[in-house]
Amino acid sequence: MTANTTSNSADRIKTVKAAWDKAPDGPKKEAALKHYQAAEKAHTAKDDAGVTKSLDAAVAALA
């Protein structure tokens, strides 16, 4: 993994977090939180594919 990939993941995590913060409370937000937390763990583990998968799921949960 390159530093650029890690930076892109971090930026995407921030973007999804901002969307989550603005979402109304409810089951969609709760589901998205679980995926967001999984993305944070994957980012810590330097698992870029896991970050992408989890963030995609978080965005889908908020939709």
PDB file of N, CA and C in Angstrom:
ATOM      1  N   MET A   1       0.841  -1.168   0.000  1.00  0.00           N
ATOM      2  CA  MET A   1       0.000   0.000   0.000  1.00  0.00           C
ATOM      3  C   MET A   1       0.888   1.234   0.000  1.00  0.00           C
ATOM      4  N   THR A   2       0.514   2.203  -0.776  1.00  0.00           N
ATOM      5  CA  THR A   2       1.305   3.420  -0.851  1.00  0.00           C
ATOM      6  C   THR A   2       0.766   4.457   0.123  1.00  0.00           C
ATOM      7  N   ALA A   3       1.568   5.469   0.373  1.00  0.00           N
ATOM      8  CA  ALA A   3       1.134   6.548   1.253  1.00  0.00           C
ATOM      9  C   ALA A   3      -0.072   7.263   0.660  1.00  0.00           C
ATOM     10  N   ASN A   4      -0.117   7.377  -0.672  1.00  0.00           N
ATOM     11  CA  ASN A   4      -1.238   8.039  -1.334  1.00  0.00           C
ATOM     12  C   ASN A   4      -2.534   7.263  -1.120  1.00  0.00           C
ATOM     13  N   THR A   5      -2.479   5.950  -1.191  1.00  0.00           N
ATOM     14  CA  THR A   5      -3.659   5.128  -0.975  1.00  0.00           C
ATOM     15  C   THR A   5      -4.157   5.293   0.456  1.00  0.00           C
ATOM     16  N   THR A   6      -3.243   5.299   1.388  1.00  0.00           N
ATOM     17  CA  THR A   6      -3.603   5.479   2.790  1.00  0.00           C
ATOM     18  C   THR A   6      -4.247   6.841   3.000  1.00  0.00           C
ATOM     19  N   SER A   7      -3.695   7.865   2.366  1.00  0.00           N
ATOM     20  CA  SER A   7      -4.246   9.209   2.467  1.00  0.00           C
ATOM     21  C   SER A   7      -5.647   9.272   1.872  1.00  0.00           C
ATOM     22  N   ASN A   8      -5.858   8.616   0.731  1.00  0.00           N
ATOM     23  CA  ASN A   8      -7.177   8.601   0.106  1.00  0.00           C
ATOM     24  C   ASN A   8      -8.183   7.916   1.011  1.00  0.00           C
ATOM     25  N   SER A   9      -7.783   6.834   1.639  1.00  0.00           N
ATOM     26  CA  SER A   9      -8.675   6.131   2.558  1.00  0.00           C
ATOM     27  C   SER A   9      -9.030   7.028   3.741  1.00  0.00           C
ATOM     28  N   ALA A  10      -8.064   7.711   4.281  1.00  0.00           N
ATOM     29  CA  ALA A  10      -8.309   8.606   5.411  1.00  0.00           C
ATOM     30  C   ALA A  10      -9.261   9.730   5.011  1.00  0.00           C
ATOM     31  N   ASP A  11      -9.081  10.272   3.825  1.00  0.00           N
ATOM     32  CA  ASP A  11      -9.973  11.324   3.343  1.00  0.00           C
ATOM     33  C   ASP A  11     -11.389  10.797   3.161  1.00  0.00           C
ATOM     34  N   ARG A  12     -11.507   9.597   2.633  1.00  0.00           N
ATOM     35  CA  ARG A  12     -12.826   9.013   2.413  1.00  0.00           C
ATOM     36  C   ARG A  12     -13.503   8.706   3.746  1.00  0.00           C
ATOM     37  N   ILE A  13     -12.729   8.263   4.724  1.00  0.00           N
ATOM     38  CA  ILE A  13     -13.289   8.017   6.053  1.00  0.00           C
ATOM     39  C   ILE A  13     -13.868   9.314   6.617  1.00  0.00           C
ATOM     40  N   LYS A  14     -13.154  10.408   6.466  1.00  0.00           N
ATOM     41  CA  LYS A  14     -13.637  11.705   6.956  1.00  0.00           C
ATOM     42  C   LYS A  14     -14.919  12.116   6.241  1.00  0.00           C
ATOM     43  N   THR A  15     -14.987  11.874   4.938  1.00  0.00           N
ATOM     44  CA  THR A  15     -16.165  12.235   4.154  1.00  0.00           C
ATOM     45  C   THR A  15     -17.382  11.437   4.597  1.00  0.00           C
ATOM     46  N   VAL A  16     -17.199  10.139   4.773  1.00  0.00           N
ATOM     47  CA  VAL A  16     -18.311   9.292   5.212  1.00  0.00           C
ATOM     48  C   VAL A  16     -18.725   9.657   6.634  1.00  0.00           C
ATOM     49  N   LYS A  17     -17.771   9.978   7.488  1.00  0.00           N
ATOM     50  CA  LYS A  17     -18.087  10.394   8.861  1.00  0.00           C
ATOM     51  C   LYS A  17     -18.932  11.663   8.845  1.00  0.00           C
ATOM     52  N   ALA A  18     -18.605  12.597   7.980  1.00  0.00           N
ATOM     53  CA  ALA A  18     -19.384  13.832   7.880  1.00  0.00           C
ATOM     54  C   ALA A  18     -20.815  13.537   7.435  1.00  0.00           C
ATOM     55  N   ALA A  19     -20.970  12.630   6.483  1.00  0.00           N
ATOM     56  CA  ALA A  19     -22.308  12.243   6.026  1.00  0.00           C
ATOM     57  C   ALA A  19     -23.066  11.556   7.154  1.00  0.00           C
ATOM     58  N   TRP A  20     -22.380  10.719   7.903  1.00  0.00           N
ATOM     59  CA  TRP A  20     -23.008  10.023   9.025  1.00  0.00           C
ATOM     60  C   TRP A  20     -23.457  11.029  10.087  1.00  0.00           C
ATOM     61  N   ASP A  21     -22.612  12.020  10.368  1.00  0.00           N
ATOM     62  CA  ASP A  21     -22.949  13.037  11.376  1.00  0.00           C
ATOM     63  C   ASP A  21     -24.229  13.787  11.003  1.00  0.00           C
ATOM     64  N   LYS A  22     -24.445  14.022   9.712  1.00  0.00           N
ATOM     65  CA  LYS A  22     -25.602  14.780   9.247  1.00  0.00           C
ATOM     66  C   LYS A  22     -26.863  13.935   9.126  1.00  0.00           C
ATOM     67  N   ALA A  23     -26.726  12.621   9.137  1.00  0.00           N
ATOM     68  CA  ALA A  23     -27.873  11.729   8.955  1.00  0.00           C
ATOM     69  C   ALA A  23     -28.784  11.770  10.188  1.00  0.00           C
ATOM     70  N   PRO A  24     -30.085  11.616   9.953  1.00  0.00           N
ATOM     71  CA  PRO A  24     -31.000  11.589  11.100  1.00  0.00           C
ATOM     72  C   PRO A  24     -30.839  10.288  11.891  1.00  0.00           C
ATOM     73  N   ASP A  25     -31.115  10.365  13.180  1.00  0.00           N
ATOM     74  CA  ASP A  25     -31.025   9.169  14.021  1.00  0.00           C
ATOM     75  C   ASP A  25     -32.014   8.118  13.537  1.00  0.00           C
ATOM     76  N   GLY A  26     -31.628   6.874  13.699  1.00  0.00           N
ATOM     77  CA  GLY A  26     -32.518   5.793  13.307  1.00  0.00           C
ATOM     78  C   GLY A  26     -31.734   4.554  12.934  1.00  0.00           C
ATOM     79  N   PRO A  27     -32.442   3.535  12.442  1.00  0.00           N
ATOM     80  CA  PRO A  27     -31.784   2.258  12.135  1.00  0.00           C
ATOM     81  C   PRO A  27     -30.744   2.358  11.017  1.00  0.00           C
ATOM     82  N   LYS A  28     -30.967   3.248  10.051  1.00  0.00           N
ATOM     83  CA  LYS A  28     -29.980   3.396   8.974  1.00  0.00           C
ATOM     84  C   LYS A  28     -28.667   3.948   9.521  1.00  0.00           C
ATOM     85  N   LYS A  29     -28.783   4.925  10.411  1.00  0.00           N
ATOM     86  CA  LYS A  29     -27.578   5.529  10.991  1.00  0.00           C
ATOM     87  C   LYS A  29     -26.846   4.514  11.862  1.00  0.00           C
ATOM     88  N   GLU A  30     -27.596   3.704  12.608  1.00  0.00           N
ATOM     89  CA  GLU A  30     -26.976   2.685  13.452  1.00  0.00           C
ATOM     90  C   GLU A  30     -26.245   1.640  12.611  1.00  0.00           C
ATOM     91  N   ALA A  31     -26.858   1.225  11.509  1.00  0.00           N
ATOM     92  CA  ALA A  31     -26.221   0.251  10.615  1.00  0.00           C
ATOM     93  C   ALA A  31     -24.965   0.850   9.991  1.00  0.00           C
ATOM     94  N   ALA A  32     -25.052   2.104   9.583  1.00  0.00           N
ATOM     95  CA  ALA A  32     -23.906   2.770   8.969  1.00  0.00           C
ATOM     96  C   ALA A  32     -22.753   2.898   9.963  1.00  0.00           C
ATOM     97  N   LEU A  33     -23.067   3.120  11.223  1.00  0.00           N
ATOM     98  CA  LEU A  33     -22.032   3.249  12.251  1.00  0.00           C
ATOM     99  C   LEU A  33     -21.211   1.965  12.364  1.00  0.00           C
ATOM    100  N   LYS A  34     -21.869   0.829  12.309  1.00  0.00           N
ATOM    101  CA  LYS A  34     -21.149  -0.447  12.402  1.00  0.00           C
ATOM    102  C   LYS A  34     -20.161  -0.591  11.245  1.00  0.00           C
ATOM    103  N   HIS A  35     -20.592  -0.203  10.056  1.00  0.00           N
ATOM    104  CA  HIS A  35     -19.710  -0.288   8.890  1.00  0.00           C
ATOM    105  C   HIS A  35     -18.578   0.737   8.989  1.00  0.00           C
ATOM    106  N   TYR A  36     -18.899   1.922   9.485  1.00  0.00           N
ATOM    107  CA  TYR A  36     -17.886   2.964   9.653  1.00  0.00           C
ATOM    108  C   TYR A  36     -16.810   2.509  10.641  1.00  0.00           C
ATOM    109  N   GLN A  37     -17.239   1.905  11.737  1.00  0.00           N
ATOM    110  CA  GLN A  37     -16.281   1.419  12.733  1.00  0.00           C
ATOM    111  C   GLN A  37     -15.409   0.306  12.149  1.00  0.00           C
ATOM    112  N   ALA A  38     -16.002  -0.538  11.311  1.00  0.00           N
ATOM    113  CA  ALA A  38     -15.220  -1.583  10.647  1.00  0.00           C
ATOM    114  C   ALA A  38     -14.192  -0.954   9.708  1.00  0.00           C
ATOM    115  N   ALA A  39     -14.565   0.129   9.062  1.00  0.00           N
ATOM    116  CA  ALA A  39     -13.633   0.830   8.168  1.00  0.00           C
ATOM    117  C   ALA A  39     -12.463   1.409   8.958  1.00  0.00           C
ATOM    118  N   GLU A  40     -12.748   1.964  10.121  1.00  0.00           N
ATOM    119  CA  GLU A  40     -11.672   2.497  10.961  1.00  0.00           C
ATOM    120  C   GLU A  40     -10.702   1.396  11.377  1.00  0.00           C
ATOM    121  N   LYS A  41     -11.232   0.244  11.750  1.00  0.00           N
ATOM    122  CA  LYS A  41     -10.375  -0.884  12.141  1.00  0.00           C
ATOM    123  C   LYS A  41      -9.528  -1.348  10.957  1.00  0.00           C
ATOM    124  N   ALA A  42     -10.146  -1.422   9.780  1.00  0.00           N
ATOM    125  CA  ALA A  42      -9.420  -1.834   8.582  1.00  0.00           C
ATOM    126  C   ALA A  42      -8.326  -0.826   8.244  1.00  0.00           C
ATOM    127  N   HIS A  43      -8.617   0.452   8.441  1.00  0.00           N
ATOM    128  CA  HIS A  43      -7.616   1.489   8.169  1.00  0.00           C
ATOM    129  C   HIS A  43      -6.434   1.353   9.127  1.00  0.00           C
ATOM    130  N   THR A  44      -6.722   1.076  10.375  1.00  0.00           N
ATOM    131  CA  THR A  44      -5.662   0.879  11.368  1.00  0.00           C
ATOM    132  C   THR A  44      -4.796  -0.321  10.990  1.00  0.00           C
ATOM    133  N   ALA A  45      -5.443  -1.345  10.439  1.00  0.00           N
ATOM    134  CA  ALA A  45      -4.727  -2.556  10.030  1.00  0.00           C
ATOM    135  C   ALA A  45      -4.101  -2.428   8.640  1.00  0.00           C
ATOM    136  N   LYS A  46      -4.228  -1.241   8.045  1.00  0.00           N
ATOM    137  CA  LYS A  46      -3.688  -0.967   6.703  1.00  0.00           C
ATOM    138  C   LYS A  46      -4.283  -1.910   5.647  1.00  0.00           C
ATOM    139  N   ASP A  47      -5.572  -2.202   5.820  1.00  0.00           N
ATOM    140  CA  ASP A  47      -6.319  -3.049   4.887  1.00  0.00           C
ATOM    141  C   ASP A  47      -7.189  -2.149   4.013  1.00  0.00           C
ATOM    142  N   ASP A  48      -6.604  -1.651   2.924  1.00  0.00           N
ATOM    143  CA  ASP A  48      -7.298  -0.692   2.075  1.00  0.00           C
ATOM    144  C   ASP A  48      -8.561  -1.279   1.450  1.00  0.00           C
ATOM    145  N   ALA A  49      -8.509  -2.538   1.069  1.00  0.00           N
ATOM    146  CA  ALA A  49      -9.694  -3.176   0.494  1.00  0.00           C
ATOM    147  C   ALA A  49     -10.809  -3.254   1.532  1.00  0.00           C
ATOM    148  N   GLY A  50     -10.455  -3.535   2.761  1.00  0.00           N
ATOM    149  CA  GLY A  50     -11.438  -3.578   3.837  1.00  0.00           C
ATOM    150  C   GLY A  50     -12.044  -2.217   4.112  1.00  0.00           C
ATOM    151  N   VAL A  51     -11.220  -1.178   4.033  1.00  0.00           N
ATOM    152  CA  VAL A  51     -11.715   0.193   4.209  1.00  0.00           C
ATOM    153  C   VAL A  51     -12.751   0.508   3.136  1.00  0.00           C
ATOM    154  N   THR A  52     -12.396   0.234   1.901  1.00  0.00           N
ATOM    155  CA  THR A  52     -13.296   0.528   0.784  1.00  0.00           C
ATOM    156  C   THR A  52     -14.609  -0.229   0.921  1.00  0.00           C
ATOM    157  N   LYS A  53     -14.527  -1.506   1.223  1.00  0.00           N
ATOM    158  CA  LYS A  53     -15.727  -2.336   1.364  1.00  0.00           C
ATOM    159  C   LYS A  53     -16.614  -1.820   2.488  1.00  0.00           C
ATOM    160  N   SER A  54     -16.028  -1.512   3.617  1.00  0.00           N
ATOM    161  CA  SER A  54     -16.799  -1.044   4.764  1.00  0.00           C
ATOM    162  C   SER A  54     -17.408   0.331   4.530  1.00  0.00           C
ATOM    163  N   LEU A  55     -16.664   1.226   3.908  1.00  0.00           N
ATOM    164  CA  LEU A  55     -17.212   2.550   3.627  1.00  0.00           C
ATOM    165  C   LEU A  55     -18.327   2.489   2.596  1.00  0.00           C
ATOM    166  N   ASP A  56     -18.168   1.630   1.597  1.00  0.00           N
ATOM    167  CA  ASP A  56     -19.240   1.446   0.611  1.00  0.00           C
ATOM    168  C   ASP A  56     -20.513   0.958   1.314  1.00  0.00           C
ATOM    169  N   ALA A  57     -20.365   0.034   2.242  1.00  0.00           N
ATOM    170  CA  ALA A  57     -21.510  -0.485   2.985  1.00  0.00           C
ATOM    171  C   ALA A  57     -22.128   0.606   3.869  1.00  0.00           C
ATOM    172  N   ALA A  58     -21.300   1.452   4.454  1.00  0.00           N
ATOM    173  CA  ALA A  58     -21.807   2.543   5.297  1.00  0.00           C
ATOM    174  C   ALA A  58     -22.622   3.525   4.468  1.00  0.00           C
ATOM    175  N   VAL A  59     -22.111   3.869   3.294  1.00  0.00           N
ATOM    176  CA  VAL A  59     -22.826   4.795   2.409  1.00  0.00           C
ATOM    177  C   VAL A  59     -24.154   4.178   1.969  1.00  0.00           C
ATOM    178  N   ALA A  60     -24.139   2.908   1.639  1.00  0.00           N
ATOM    179  CA  ALA A  60     -25.360   2.210   1.216  1.00  0.00           C
ATOM    180  C   ALA A  60     -26.373   2.178   2.365  1.00  0.00           C
ATOM    181  N   ALA A  61     -25.902   1.985   3.582  1.00  0.00           N
ATOM    182  CA  ALA A  61     -26.803   1.944   4.739  1.00  0.00           C
ATOM    183  C   ALA A  61     -27.472   3.295   4.972  1.00  0.00           C
ATOM    184  N   LEU A  62     -26.770   4.364   4.668  1.00  0.00           N
ATOM    185  CA  LEU A  62     -27.330   5.703   4.861  1.00  0.00           C
ATOM    186  C   LEU A  62     -28.313   6.094   3.758  1.00  0.00           C
ATOM    187  N   ALA A  63     -28.229   5.436   2.622  1.00  0.00           N
ATOM    188  CA  ALA A  63     -29.071   5.807   1.469  1.00  0.00           C
ATOM    189  C   ALA A  63     -30.521   5.465   1.689  1.00  0.00           C
TER     190      ALA A  63
END
